[in-house]
Amino acid sequence: MKKLNYLLIVVVFFSMSCVNSTDSARTWTEKDGVIRFSVISDSTTGKQWIARLESKGFRISDYAKSVLRSKSFKPTSGIIYEVTILRGELFSDNERTTRNIREEAKKRSLSTPNAEIVCLIREKFSDKELETMELYYIVTMHNSIKDSNGDPRLLDIDRLVSGSWLSTGYGNPVNRWGRGSGFAFVSQVSGS
């Protein structure tokens, strides 16, 4: 009986340790439909991001590659971005437009992020973590950058059946986004 009690205590302790280690491994928090985490820039250029992400098995769309290679993509170094993701479900289907999302971010005192944070987010979170967040994609709400066709684009990360993607969405103000999306802004920037 003592061995059985001891075994039961070990099993319970091990189970609690696994639950606690999973929670402590999570690098983001959520409250009231808003997800928060931080990323740190490391001076990686757009061209370098293409090679870096592809070497880790991520797929990058042609439009995303053209945006990453653009002169408008400006990397920084040592900047700590406190990222805030507004869930798509915070907006009704008809109101989930680029313009309305930016207006809501402004009301919450959130800033327009540097486009590079999409790469940092893609590298930070696996598709499994996006699934845990209940998001299919995260759009980085940077100032739109023109793609190779001259169309305004916003970089995003996607979890799709075809793989883990860094892609783009159309960046005009009236573009409507899906409910399973998240929209990345910055609540604080610090560092060099």
Protein backbone atom coordinates (compact mmCIF):
# COMPACT_ATOMS: atom_id res chain seq x y z
CA MET A 1 0.00 0.00 0.00
CA LYS A 2 2.87 2.40 0.80
CA LYS A 3 4.40 1.74 -2.64
CA LEU A 4 1.06 2.43 -4.30
CA ASN A 5 0.66 5.74 -2.40
CA TYR A 6 4.22 6.69 -3.27
CA LEU A 7 3.61 5.86 -6.94
CA LEU A 8 0.40 7.90 -6.90
CA ILE A 9 2.22 10.90 -5.40
CA VAL A 10 4.96 10.63 -8.06
CA VAL A 11 2.39 10.42 -10.87
CA VAL A 12 0.43 13.42 -9.55
CA PHE A 13 3.63 15.45 -9.07
CA PHE A 14 4.84 14.54 -12.58
CA SER A 15 1.47 15.50 -14.07
CA MET A 16 1.51 18.86 -12.29
CA SER A 17 5.10 19.46 -13.41
CA CYS A 18 4.14 18.84 -17.04
CA VAL A 19 1.21 21.25 -16.83
CA ASN A 20 3.34 23.91 -15.16
CA SER A 21 6.22 23.48 -17.61
CA THR A 22 3.83 23.87 -20.55
CA ASP A 23 2.41 27.06 -19.08
CA SER A 24 5.84 28.48 -18.32
CA ALA A 25 7.06 27.64 -21.85
CA ARG A 26 4.34 29.82 -23.36
CA THR A 27 5.88 33.12 -24.41
CA TRP A 28 2.69 35.14 -24.80
CA THR A 29 -0.22 36.29 -22.68
CA GLU A 30 -3.83 36.99 -23.53
CA LYS A 31 -6.53 39.09 -21.94
CA ASP A 32 -9.85 40.30 -23.38
CA GLY A 33 -9.07 39.31 -26.97
CA VAL A 34 -5.61 40.90 -26.93
CA ILE A 35 -2.40 38.85 -27.17
CA ARG A 36 0.93 40.28 -25.97
CA PHE A 37 4.58 39.24 -26.30
CA SER A 38 7.95 40.75 -27.15
CA VAL A 39 10.50 40.30 -29.93
CA ILE A 40 14.00 41.75 -30.40
CA SER A 41 15.37 42.92 -33.74
CA ASP A 42 18.79 41.78 -34.88
CA SER A 43 19.59 43.85 -38.04
CA THR A 44 18.57 41.06 -40.43
CA THR A 45 17.85 42.47 -43.88
CA GLY A 46 14.89 41.36 -45.98
CA LYS A 47 17.13 39.25 -48.23
CA GLN A 48 18.69 37.62 -45.16
CA TRP A 49 15.22 36.93 -43.71
CA ILE A 50 14.27 35.06 -46.87
CA ALA A 51 17.28 32.75 -46.53
CA ARG A 52 16.93 32.42 -42.75
CA LEU A 53 13.24 31.52 -42.75
CA GLU A 54 13.46 29.19 -45.74
CA SER A 55 16.37 27.35 -44.08
CA LYS A 56 14.00 26.67 -41.16
CA GLY A 57 11.32 25.23 -43.43
CA PHE A 58 9.05 28.27 -43.69
CA ARG A 59 7.51 29.09 -47.05
CA ILE A 60 7.58 32.65 -48.40
CA SER A 61 5.24 33.90 -51.11
CA ASP A 62 6.59 35.74 -54.14
CA TYR A 63 4.81 38.95 -53.09
CA ALA A 64 6.32 38.68 -49.61
CA LYS A 65 9.78 38.22 -51.14
CA SER A 66 9.28 41.33 -53.25
CA VAL A 67 8.27 43.32 -50.15
CA LEU A 68 11.23 41.98 -48.13
CA ARG A 69 13.59 43.01 -50.95
CA SER A 70 12.04 46.49 -51.17
CA LYS A 71 13.99 49.60 -50.16
CA SER A 72 11.06 50.32 -47.83
CA PHE A 73 11.92 47.27 -45.68
CA LYS A 74 14.22 48.76 -43.04
CA PRO A 75 15.78 46.45 -40.42
CA THR A 76 16.79 47.66 -36.97
CA SER A 77 19.14 46.22 -34.36
CA GLY A 78 18.60 45.61 -30.66
CA ILE A 79 15.10 47.07 -30.60
CA ILE A 80 12.70 45.39 -28.18
CA TYR A 81 9.19 45.51 -29.56
CA GLU A 82 6.31 44.88 -27.17
CA VAL A 83 3.81 43.45 -29.66
CA THR A 84 0.05 43.61 -29.21
CA ILE A 85 -2.20 41.43 -31.36
CA LEU A 86 -5.84 42.48 -31.70
CA ARG A 87 -7.99 39.45 -32.48
CA GLY A 88 -10.22 39.57 -35.54
CA GLU A 89 -13.20 38.62 -33.40
CA LEU A 90 -13.03 42.04 -31.72
CA PHE A 91 -14.61 43.40 -34.93
CA SER A 92 -17.86 42.47 -36.66
CA ASP A 93 -17.42 40.88 -40.09
CA ASN A 94 -18.45 44.05 -41.94
CA GLU A 95 -16.24 46.28 -39.77
CA ARG A 96 -13.03 44.22 -39.94
CA THR A 97 -11.30 46.50 -42.45
CA THR A 98 -7.76 47.81 -42.45
CA ARG A 99 -9.00 51.34 -41.73
CA ASN A 100 -11.19 50.30 -38.76
CA ILE A 101 -8.50 48.08 -37.29
CA ARG A 102 -6.00 50.95 -37.42
CA GLU A 103 -8.55 53.29 -35.79
CA GLU A 104 -9.12 50.80 -32.95
CA ALA A 105 -5.36 50.50 -32.44
CA LYS A 106 -5.08 54.27 -32.23
CA LYS A 107 -7.82 54.37 -29.54
CA ARG A 108 -5.75 51.84 -27.57
CA SER A 109 -2.57 53.96 -27.98
CA LEU A 110 -0.89 51.29 -30.13
CA SER A 111 1.74 52.24 -32.71
CA THR A 112 2.35 51.21 -36.29
CA PRO A 113 5.07 48.54 -36.24
CA ASN A 114 8.19 48.20 -38.34
CA ALA A 115 7.57 45.60 -41.07
CA GLU A 116 10.45 43.47 -39.74
CA ILE A 117 8.39 42.28 -36.78
CA VAL A 118 6.47 39.91 -39.08
CA CYS A 119 9.70 37.94 -39.60
CA LEU A 120 10.43 37.92 -35.87
CA ILE A 121 6.88 36.71 -35.18
CA ARG A 122 7.11 34.00 -37.88
CA GLU A 123 10.34 32.74 -36.36
CA LYS A 124 9.00 32.93 -32.78
CA PHE A 125 5.75 31.01 -33.23
CA SER A 126 5.12 27.63 -34.78
CA ASP A 127 1.84 26.82 -36.47
CA LYS A 128 0.97 24.75 -33.39
CA GLU A 129 1.32 27.88 -31.24
CA LEU A 130 -0.84 29.86 -33.68
CA GLU A 131 -3.42 27.09 -33.36
CA THR A 132 -3.23 27.38 -29.56
CA MET A 133 -3.84 31.12 -29.99
CA GLU A 134 -6.80 30.16 -32.24
CA LEU A 135 -5.39 32.26 -35.10
CA TYR A 136 -4.99 31.28 -38.74
CA TYR A 137 -2.88 34.29 -39.57
CA ILE A 138 -1.32 37.40 -38.07
CA VAL A 139 -1.15 40.55 -40.19
CA THR A 140 1.56 43.04 -39.26
CA MET A 141 -0.10 46.44 -39.53
CA HIS A 142 3.03 48.30 -40.74
CA ASN A 143 2.77 51.08 -43.31
CA SER A 144 1.93 49.26 -46.53
CA ILE A 145 4.84 48.50 -48.86
CA LYS A 146 4.38 48.23 -52.61
CA ASP A 147 5.01 44.81 -54.12
CA SER A 148 6.62 44.13 -57.51
CA ASN A 149 3.30 45.02 -59.23
CA GLY A 150 3.02 48.34 -57.38
CA ASP A 151 0.16 47.16 -55.12
CA PRO A 152 0.16 48.06 -51.39
CA ARG A 153 0.88 45.01 -49.22
CA LEU A 154 0.94 44.10 -45.54
CA LEU A 155 3.15 41.20 -44.50
CA ASP A 156 1.50 38.37 -42.58
CA ILE A 157 2.18 34.89 -41.28
CA ASP A 158 -0.18 32.04 -42.05
CA ARG A 159 -0.79 28.51 -40.87
CA LEU A 160 -2.18 26.65 -43.85
CA VAL A 161 -2.59 23.05 -44.94
CA SER A 162 0.23 23.73 -47.41
CA GLY A 163 2.63 24.76 -44.64
CA SER A 164 3.91 27.60 -42.49
CA TRP A 165 3.95 30.78 -44.53
CA LEU A 166 5.18 34.34 -44.56
CA SER A 167 2.89 36.00 -47.06
CA THR A 168 1.10 39.27 -47.78
CA GLY A 169 -2.40 40.68 -47.76
CA TYR A 170 -3.74 43.55 -49.78
CA GLY A 171 -3.00 46.73 -47.81
CA ASN A 172 -5.69 49.16 -48.90
CA PRO A 173 -7.87 50.82 -46.21
CA VAL A 174 -11.13 49.06 -47.16
CA ASN A 175 -9.70 45.54 -47.38
CA ARG A 176 -11.73 43.10 -45.23
CA TRP A 177 -9.98 40.48 -43.14
CA GLY A 178 -11.14 37.11 -41.78
CA ARG A 179 -12.41 36.42 -38.28
CA GLY A 180 -9.57 33.98 -37.50
CA SER A 181 -6.98 36.67 -37.94
CA GLY A 182 -4.87 38.74 -35.58
CA PHE A 183 -3.48 42.21 -36.21
CA ALA A 184 -0.03 43.11 -34.90
CA PHE A 185 0.76 46.55 -33.51
CA VAL A 186 3.37 47.79 -31.06
CA SER A 187 2.58 48.99 -27.55
CA GLN A 188 6.15 49.89 -26.61
CA VAL A 189 9.54 50.13 -28.29
CA SER A 190 12.84 50.21 -26.40
CA GLY A 191 16.52 49.57 -27.00
CA SER A 192 19.22 51.08 -29.16
